[in-house]
């Protein structure tokens, strides 16, 4: 898929010619620009792949009428969680808060996913949860994380076939930093990945750089 691109001057001129005269053949576009059809072929391919133009055999090129915003929206609706998810960092529910804090710093993550003996999701631990526990009067090495974690079903999850833009909306709406990617099993939700604000940022950068 091709992202929203920055058009050069010749591509802008081609776009205007098609807007004014479409449907129009490649040969007629070339004539108006005093160029060969071969010279224009890469520009026409880029404009067509990017969604600005469409082409029909024996008819020619015509303008789709889509704005850059519309094209960007279409591209965003073709990016899925599986394209940008990263590996999850999980801990068992009987792990101590102290060990969870160590894991957060060693793995350099903002969120830990808590799993049971069947490796199914039972809770989420954020940096705020761990900070709140650490400034209390608890003995962190003996306090299990299942005491302070956010529990199911109060956890936002996603699946690998979900649209990444929908996960981004959840991150913003619920003011959270990470969402676990899960796969349903007989025992519950198996954690197979995570989507963070960093993953979302990478997706937008890739879209802008036309790397998708």
C-alpha atoms as a PDB file:
ATOM      1  CA  UNK A   1       0.000   0.000   0.000  1.00  0.00           C
ATOM      2  CA  UNK A   2       1.242   3.503  -0.797  1.00  0.00           C
ATOM      3  CA  UNK A   3       0.888   6.272   1.743  1.00  0.00           C
ATOM      4  CA  UNK A   4       0.070   9.912   1.264  1.00  0.00           C
ATOM      5  CA  UNK A   5       2.942  11.270  -0.845  1.00  0.00           C
ATOM      6  CA  UNK A   6       4.423  14.649  -1.626  1.00  0.00           C
ATOM      7  CA  UNK A   7       3.823  15.261  -5.314  1.00  0.00           C
ATOM      8  CA  UNK A   8       6.471  16.878  -7.486  1.00  0.00           C
ATOM      9  CA  UNK A   9       5.633  19.677  -9.931  1.00  0.00           C
ATOM     10  CA  UNK A  10       5.169  17.365 -12.920  1.00  0.00           C
ATOM     11  CA  UNK A  11       2.857  15.086 -10.989  1.00  0.00           C
ATOM     12  CA  UNK A  12       0.818  18.113  -9.907  1.00  0.00           C
ATOM     13  CA  UNK A  13       0.539  19.173 -13.557  1.00  0.00           C
ATOM     14  CA  UNK A  14      -0.538  15.683 -14.594  1.00  0.00           C
ATOM     15  CA  UNK A  15      -3.154  15.681 -11.874  1.00  0.00           C
ATOM     16  CA  UNK A  16      -4.518  19.036 -13.039  1.00  0.00           C
ATOM     17  CA  UNK A  17      -4.665  17.872 -16.691  1.00  0.00           C
ATOM     18  CA  UNK A  18      -6.639  14.781 -15.693  1.00  0.00           C
ATOM     19  CA  UNK A  19      -8.945  16.854 -13.489  1.00  0.00           C
ATOM     20  CA  UNK A  20      -9.681  19.189 -16.401  1.00  0.00           C
ATOM     21  CA  UNK A  21      -9.839  16.659 -19.233  1.00  0.00           C
ATOM     22  CA  UNK A  22     -10.469  13.211 -17.834  1.00  0.00           C
ATOM     23  CA  UNK A  23     -10.945  10.556 -18.846  1.00  0.00           C
ATOM     24  CA  UNK A  24      -7.806  11.077 -20.880  1.00  0.00           C
ATOM     25  CA  UNK A  25      -5.241   8.662 -22.287  1.00  0.00           C
ATOM     26  CA  UNK A  26      -1.594   8.635 -21.330  1.00  0.00           C
ATOM     27  CA  UNK A  27      -0.678   9.625 -24.870  1.00  0.00           C
ATOM     28  CA  UNK A  28      -2.828  12.770 -24.685  1.00  0.00           C
ATOM     29  CA  UNK A  29      -1.359  13.690 -21.298  1.00  0.00           C
ATOM     30  CA  UNK A  30       2.126  13.292 -22.764  1.00  0.00           C
ATOM     31  CA  UNK A  31       1.199  15.486 -25.737  1.00  0.00           C
ATOM     32  CA  UNK A  32       0.049  18.297 -23.456  1.00  0.00           C
ATOM     33  CA  UNK A  33       3.325  18.167 -21.567  1.00  0.00           C
ATOM     34  CA  UNK A  34       5.476  17.705 -24.664  1.00  0.00           C
ATOM     35  CA  UNK A  35       6.905  14.510 -23.211  1.00  0.00           C
ATOM     36  CA  UNK A  36       7.014  10.892 -24.278  1.00  0.00           C
ATOM     37  CA  UNK A  37       4.602   8.323 -22.897  1.00  0.00           C
ATOM     38  CA  UNK A  38       7.578   6.365 -21.495  1.00  0.00           C
ATOM     39  CA  UNK A  39       8.766   9.406 -19.560  1.00  0.00           C
ATOM     40  CA  UNK A  40       5.348   9.818 -17.914  1.00  0.00           C
ATOM     41  CA  UNK A  41       4.830   6.149 -17.095  1.00  0.00           C
ATOM     42  CA  UNK A  42       6.469   6.258 -13.598  1.00  0.00           C
ATOM     43  CA  UNK A  43       4.506   9.397 -12.628  1.00  0.00           C
ATOM     44  CA  UNK A  44       1.220   7.883 -13.780  1.00  0.00           C
ATOM     45  CA  UNK A  45       1.988   4.687 -11.888  1.00  0.00           C
ATOM     46  CA  UNK A  46       2.704   6.637  -8.684  1.00  0.00           C
ATOM     47  CA  UNK A  47      -0.468   8.718  -8.987  1.00  0.00           C
ATOM     48  CA  UNK A  48      -2.548   5.624  -9.668  1.00  0.00           C
ATOM     49  CA  UNK A  49      -1.047   3.566  -6.848  1.00  0.00           C
ATOM     50  CA  UNK A  50      -1.433   6.473  -4.434  1.00  0.00           C
ATOM     51  CA  UNK A  51      -5.131   6.681  -5.265  1.00  0.00           C
ATOM     52  CA  UNK A  52      -5.199  10.117  -6.914  1.00  0.00           C
ATOM     53  CA  UNK A  53      -5.953   8.657 -10.336  1.00  0.00           C
ATOM     54  CA  UNK A  54      -7.723   5.590 -11.615  1.00  0.00           C
ATOM     55  CA  UNK A  55      -7.317   3.998 -15.035  1.00  0.00           C
ATOM     56  CA  UNK A  56      -9.628   1.986 -17.266  1.00  0.00           C
ATOM     57  CA  UNK A  57      -8.524   0.042 -20.337  1.00  0.00           C
ATOM     58  CA  UNK A  58      -9.361   1.777 -23.620  1.00  0.00           C
ATOM     59  CA  UNK A  59     -10.810   4.725 -21.667  1.00  0.00           C
ATOM     60  CA  UNK A  60      -7.870   6.387 -19.953  1.00  0.00           C
ATOM     61  CA  UNK A  61      -7.082   8.072 -16.683  1.00  0.00           C
ATOM     62  CA  UNK A  62      -9.566   9.927 -14.526  1.00  0.00           C
ATOM     63  CA  UNK A  63      -9.365  11.814 -11.252  1.00  0.00           C
ATOM     64  CA  UNK A  64     -10.766   9.945  -8.256  1.00  0.00           C
ATOM     65  CA  UNK A  65     -11.765  13.170  -6.509  1.00  0.00           C
ATOM     66  CA  UNK A  66     -10.176  12.034  -3.266  1.00  0.00           C
ATOM     67  CA  UNK A  67      -8.381  14.512  -1.055  1.00  0.00           C
ATOM     68  CA  UNK A  68      -5.124  13.760   0.741  1.00  0.00           C
ATOM     69  CA  UNK A  69      -7.103  13.374   3.947  1.00  0.00           C
ATOM     70  CA  UNK A  70      -9.414  10.812   2.339  1.00  0.00           C
ATOM     71  CA  UNK A  71      -6.445   8.893   0.966  1.00  0.00           C
ATOM     72  CA  UNK A  72      -4.770   8.936   4.356  1.00  0.00           C
ATOM     73  CA  UNK A  73      -7.959   7.629   5.958  1.00  0.00           C
ATOM     74  CA  UNK A  74      -8.121   4.793   3.447  1.00  0.00           C
ATOM     75  CA  UNK A  75      -4.522   3.859   4.176  1.00  0.00           C
ATOM     76  CA  UNK A  76      -5.067   3.951   7.936  1.00  0.00           C
ATOM     77  CA  UNK A  77      -7.994   1.590   7.486  1.00  0.00           C
ATOM     78  CA  UNK A  78      -5.616  -0.926   5.925  1.00  0.00           C
ATOM     79  CA  UNK A  79      -3.112  -1.091   8.796  1.00  0.00           C
ATOM     80  CA  UNK A  80      -3.731  -3.946  11.200  1.00  0.00           C
ATOM     81  CA  UNK A  81      -2.460  -4.711  14.683  1.00  0.00           C
ATOM     82  CA  UNK A  82      -0.451  -7.687  13.378  1.00  0.00           C
ATOM     83  CA  UNK A  83       1.564  -5.317  11.149  1.00  0.00           C
ATOM     84  CA  UNK A  84       3.058  -3.385  14.067  1.00  0.00           C
ATOM     85  CA  UNK A  85       2.534  -5.312  17.283  1.00  0.00           C
ATOM     86  CA  UNK A  86       5.576  -6.051  19.459  1.00  0.00           C
ATOM     87  CA  UNK A  87       6.416  -8.797  21.922  1.00  0.00           C
ATOM     88  CA  UNK A  88       4.577  -8.673  25.256  1.00  0.00           C
ATOM     89  CA  UNK A  89       6.276  -8.639  28.643  1.00  0.00           C
ATOM     90  CA  UNK A  90       4.361 -10.852  31.073  1.00  0.00           C
ATOM     91  CA  UNK A  91       4.668 -11.820  34.731  1.00  0.00           C
ATOM     92  CA  UNK A  92       2.886 -14.425  36.810  1.00  0.00           C
ATOM     93  CA  UNK A  93       0.172 -13.245  39.184  1.00  0.00           C
ATOM     94  CA  UNK A  94       2.066 -14.474  42.258  1.00  0.00           C
ATOM     95  CA  UNK A  95       5.210 -12.458  41.418  1.00  0.00           C
ATOM     96  CA  UNK A  96       6.102  -9.802  43.982  1.00  0.00           C
ATOM     97  CA  UNK A  97       5.706  -6.107  43.307  1.00  0.00           C
ATOM     98  CA  UNK A  98       9.456  -5.731  43.864  1.00  0.00           C
ATOM     99  CA  UNK A  99      10.223  -8.257  41.096  1.00  0.00           C
ATOM    100  CA  UNK A 100       7.694  -6.552  38.821  1.00  0.00           C
ATOM    101  CA  UNK A 101       9.439  -3.196  39.316  1.00  0.00           C
ATOM    102  CA  UNK A 102      12.769  -4.820  38.437  1.00  0.00           C
ATOM    103  CA  UNK A 103      11.201  -6.332  35.303  1.00  0.00           C
ATOM    104  CA  UNK A 104       9.827  -2.958  34.212  1.00  0.00           C
ATOM    105  CA  UNK A 105      13.270  -1.396  34.353  1.00  0.00           C
ATOM    106  CA  UNK A 106      15.159  -4.348  32.861  1.00  0.00           C
ATOM    107  CA  UNK A 107      12.721  -4.653  29.949  1.00  0.00           C
ATOM    108  CA  UNK A 108      12.275  -0.864  29.635  1.00  0.00           C
ATOM    109  CA  UNK A 109       8.482  -1.075  29.318  1.00  0.00           C
ATOM    110  CA  UNK A 110       5.636   0.939  30.769  1.00  0.00           C
ATOM    111  CA  UNK A 111       3.160  -1.911  31.209  1.00  0.00           C
ATOM    112  CA  UNK A 112       3.326  -5.522  32.360  1.00  0.00           C
ATOM    113  CA  UNK A 113       0.667  -8.090  31.547  1.00  0.00           C
ATOM    114  CA  UNK A 114      -0.167 -10.492  34.365  1.00  0.00           C
ATOM    115  CA  UNK A 115      -1.008 -14.102  33.524  1.00  0.00           C
ATOM    116  CA  UNK A 116      -2.242 -17.104  35.493  1.00  0.00           C
ATOM    117  CA  UNK A 117      -0.917 -20.657  35.598  1.00  0.00           C
ATOM    118  CA  UNK A 118      -2.486 -21.272  32.163  1.00  0.00           C
ATOM    119  CA  UNK A 119      -0.620 -18.253  30.717  1.00  0.00           C
ATOM    120  CA  UNK A 120      -3.921 -16.432  30.262  1.00  0.00           C
ATOM    121  CA  UNK A 121      -4.410 -12.741  30.931  1.00  0.00           C
ATOM    122  CA  UNK A 122      -5.751 -11.884  34.379  1.00  0.00           C
ATOM    123  CA  UNK A 123      -4.455  -8.367  34.907  1.00  0.00           C
ATOM    124  CA  UNK A 124      -2.383  -5.388  33.840  1.00  0.00           C
ATOM    125  CA  UNK A 125       0.288  -3.509  35.775  1.00  0.00           C
ATOM    126  CA  UNK A 126       1.190   0.047  34.826  1.00  0.00           C
ATOM    127  CA  UNK A 127       4.082   2.155  36.084  1.00  0.00           C
ATOM    128  CA  UNK A 128       1.515   4.171  38.047  1.00  0.00           C
ATOM    129  CA  UNK A 129       0.295   1.008  39.805  1.00  0.00           C
ATOM    130  CA  UNK A 130       3.842   0.108  40.803  1.00  0.00           C
ATOM    131  CA  UNK A 131       4.678   3.657  41.893  1.00  0.00           C
ATOM    132  CA  UNK A 132       1.529   3.842  44.003  1.00  0.00           C
ATOM    133  CA  UNK A 133       2.469   0.594  45.737  1.00  0.00           C
ATOM    134  CA  UNK A 134       6.082   1.643  46.273  1.00  0.00           C
ATOM    135  CA  UNK A 135       5.173   4.851  48.139  1.00  0.00           C
ATOM    136  CA  UNK A 136       2.865   3.001  50.493  1.00  0.00           C
ATOM    137  CA  UNK A 137       3.789   1.133  53.658  1.00  0.00           C
ATOM    138  CA  UNK A 138       3.911  -2.273  51.992  1.00  0.00           C
ATOM    139  CA  UNK A 139       6.766  -4.757  51.996  1.00  0.00           C
ATOM    140  CA  UNK A 140       7.241  -4.907  48.229  1.00  0.00           C
ATOM    141  CA  UNK A 141       9.092  -8.225  48.201  1.00  0.00           C
ATOM    142  CA  UNK A 142       6.165  -9.997  49.863  1.00  0.00           C
ATOM    143  CA  UNK A 143       3.286  -8.143  48.171  1.00  0.00           C
ATOM    144  CA  UNK A 144       2.001 -10.086  45.106  1.00  0.00           C
ATOM    145  CA  UNK A 145       1.111  -8.125  42.001  1.00  0.00           C
ATOM    146  CA  UNK A 146      -2.411  -9.549  41.926  1.00  0.00           C
ATOM    147  CA  UNK A 147      -3.207  -7.280  44.869  1.00  0.00           C
ATOM    148  CA  UNK A 148      -2.495  -4.035  42.988  1.00  0.00           C
ATOM    149  CA  UNK A 149      -3.111  -4.922  39.321  1.00  0.00           C
ATOM    150  CA  UNK A 150      -6.081  -3.904  37.203  1.00  0.00           C
ATOM    151  CA  UNK A 151      -8.132  -7.051  36.779  1.00  0.00           C
ATOM    152  CA  UNK A 152     -10.134  -8.587  34.016  1.00  0.00           C
ATOM    153  CA  UNK A 153     -12.680  -7.742  32.718  1.00  0.00           C
ATOM    154  CA  UNK A 154     -11.642  -4.105  33.240  1.00  0.00           C
ATOM    155  CA  UNK A 155      -8.846  -4.427  30.682  1.00  0.00           C
ATOM    156  CA  UNK A 156      -8.886  -3.173  27.108  1.00  0.00           C
ATOM    157  CA  UNK A 157      -7.613  -5.847  24.741  1.00  0.00           C
ATOM    158  CA  UNK A 158      -7.256  -6.229  20.989  1.00  0.00           C
ATOM    159  CA  UNK A 159      -6.664  -8.986  18.463  1.00  0.00           C
ATOM    160  CA  UNK A 160      -4.126  -9.146  15.654  1.00  0.00           C
ATOM    161  CA  UNK A 161      -6.760  -8.625  12.929  1.00  0.00           C
ATOM    162  CA  UNK A 162      -8.089  -5.421  14.519  1.00  0.00           C
ATOM    163  CA  UNK A 163      -7.399  -2.089  12.856  1.00  0.00           C
ATOM    164  CA  UNK A 164      -4.474  -0.255  14.426  1.00  0.00           C
ATOM    165  CA  UNK A 165      -6.367   3.053  14.249  1.00  0.00           C
ATOM    166  CA  UNK A 166      -9.089   1.611  16.521  1.00  0.00           C
ATOM    167  CA  UNK A 167      -6.465   0.626  19.087  1.00  0.00           C
ATOM    168  CA  UNK A 168      -5.015   4.142  18.868  1.00  0.00           C
ATOM    169  CA  UNK A 169      -8.460   5.573  19.636  1.00  0.00           C
ATOM    170  CA  UNK A 170      -8.707   3.339  22.712  1.00  0.00           C
ATOM    171  CA  UNK A 171      -5.285   4.455  23.938  1.00  0.00           C
ATOM    172  CA  UNK A 172      -6.384   8.072  23.706  1.00  0.00           C
ATOM    173  CA  UNK A 173      -9.906   7.622  25.060  1.00  0.00           C
ATOM    174  CA  UNK A 174      -8.887   5.496  28.051  1.00  0.00           C
ATOM    175  CA  UNK A 175      -5.583   7.285  28.658  1.00  0.00           C
ATOM    176  CA  UNK A 176      -3.532   4.104  28.708  1.00  0.00           C
ATOM    177  CA  UNK A 177      -0.073   3.399  27.317  1.00  0.00           C
ATOM    178  CA  UNK A 178      -0.411  -0.171  26.104  1.00  0.00           C
ATOM    179  CA  UNK A 179      -2.981  -2.734  24.985  1.00  0.00           C
ATOM    180  CA  UNK A 180      -2.379  -6.499  25.052  1.00  0.00           C
ATOM    181  CA  UNK A 181      -2.876  -8.417  21.827  1.00  0.00           C
ATOM    182  CA  UNK A 182      -4.739 -11.593  22.733  1.00  0.00           C
ATOM    183  CA  UNK A 183      -5.841 -14.872  21.215  1.00  0.00           C
ATOM    184  CA  UNK A 184      -8.897 -16.612  22.600  1.00  0.00           C
ATOM    185  CA  UNK A 185      -8.431 -20.101  23.999  1.00  0.00           C
ATOM    186  CA  UNK A 186     -10.529 -22.467  26.088  1.00  0.00           C
ATOM    187  CA  UNK A 187      -8.803 -21.216  29.234  1.00  0.00           C
ATOM    188  CA  UNK A 188      -9.169 -17.513  28.441  1.00  0.00           C
ATOM    189  CA  UNK A 189      -7.134 -14.874  26.618  1.00  0.00           C
ATOM    190  CA  UNK A 190      -3.590 -15.849  25.702  1.00  0.00           C
ATOM    191  CA  UNK A 191      -1.300 -12.808  25.411  1.00  0.00           C
ATOM    192  CA  UNK A 192       0.535 -12.907  22.071  1.00  0.00           C
ATOM    193  CA  UNK A 193       1.668  -9.295  21.684  1.00  0.00           C
ATOM    194  CA  UNK A 194       1.238  -5.690  22.683  1.00  0.00           C
ATOM    195  CA  UNK A 195       0.460  -2.366  21.038  1.00  0.00           C
ATOM    196  CA  UNK A 196       1.950   0.746  22.594  1.00  0.00           C
ATOM    197  CA  UNK A 197       2.048   4.421  21.730  1.00  0.00           C
ATOM    198  CA  UNK A 198       5.481   3.719  20.248  1.00  0.00           C
ATOM    199  CA  UNK A 199       3.986   1.127  17.894  1.00  0.00           C
ATOM    200  CA  UNK A 200       1.371   3.652  16.795  1.00  0.00           C
ATOM    201  CA  UNK A 201       4.066   6.255  16.173  1.00  0.00           C
ATOM    202  CA  UNK A 202       6.102   3.794  14.085  1.00  0.00           C
ATOM    203  CA  UNK A 203       3.034   3.072  11.956  1.00  0.00           C
ATOM    204  CA  UNK A 204       2.455   6.757  11.216  1.00  0.00           C
ATOM    205  CA  UNK A 205       6.133   7.313  10.406  1.00  0.00           C
ATOM    206  CA  UNK A 206       6.098   4.322   8.060  1.00  0.00           C
ATOM    207  CA  UNK A 207       2.975   5.653   6.395  1.00  0.00           C
ATOM    208  CA  UNK A 208       4.532   9.055   5.907  1.00  0.00           C
ATOM    209  CA  UNK A 209       7.739   7.508   4.575  1.00  0.00           C
ATOM    210  CA  UNK A 210       5.782   5.279   2.193  1.00  0.00           C
ATOM    211  CA  UNK A 211       7.269   2.133   3.729  1.00  0.00           C
ATOM    212  CA  UNK A 212       4.004   0.211   4.063  1.00  0.00           C
END
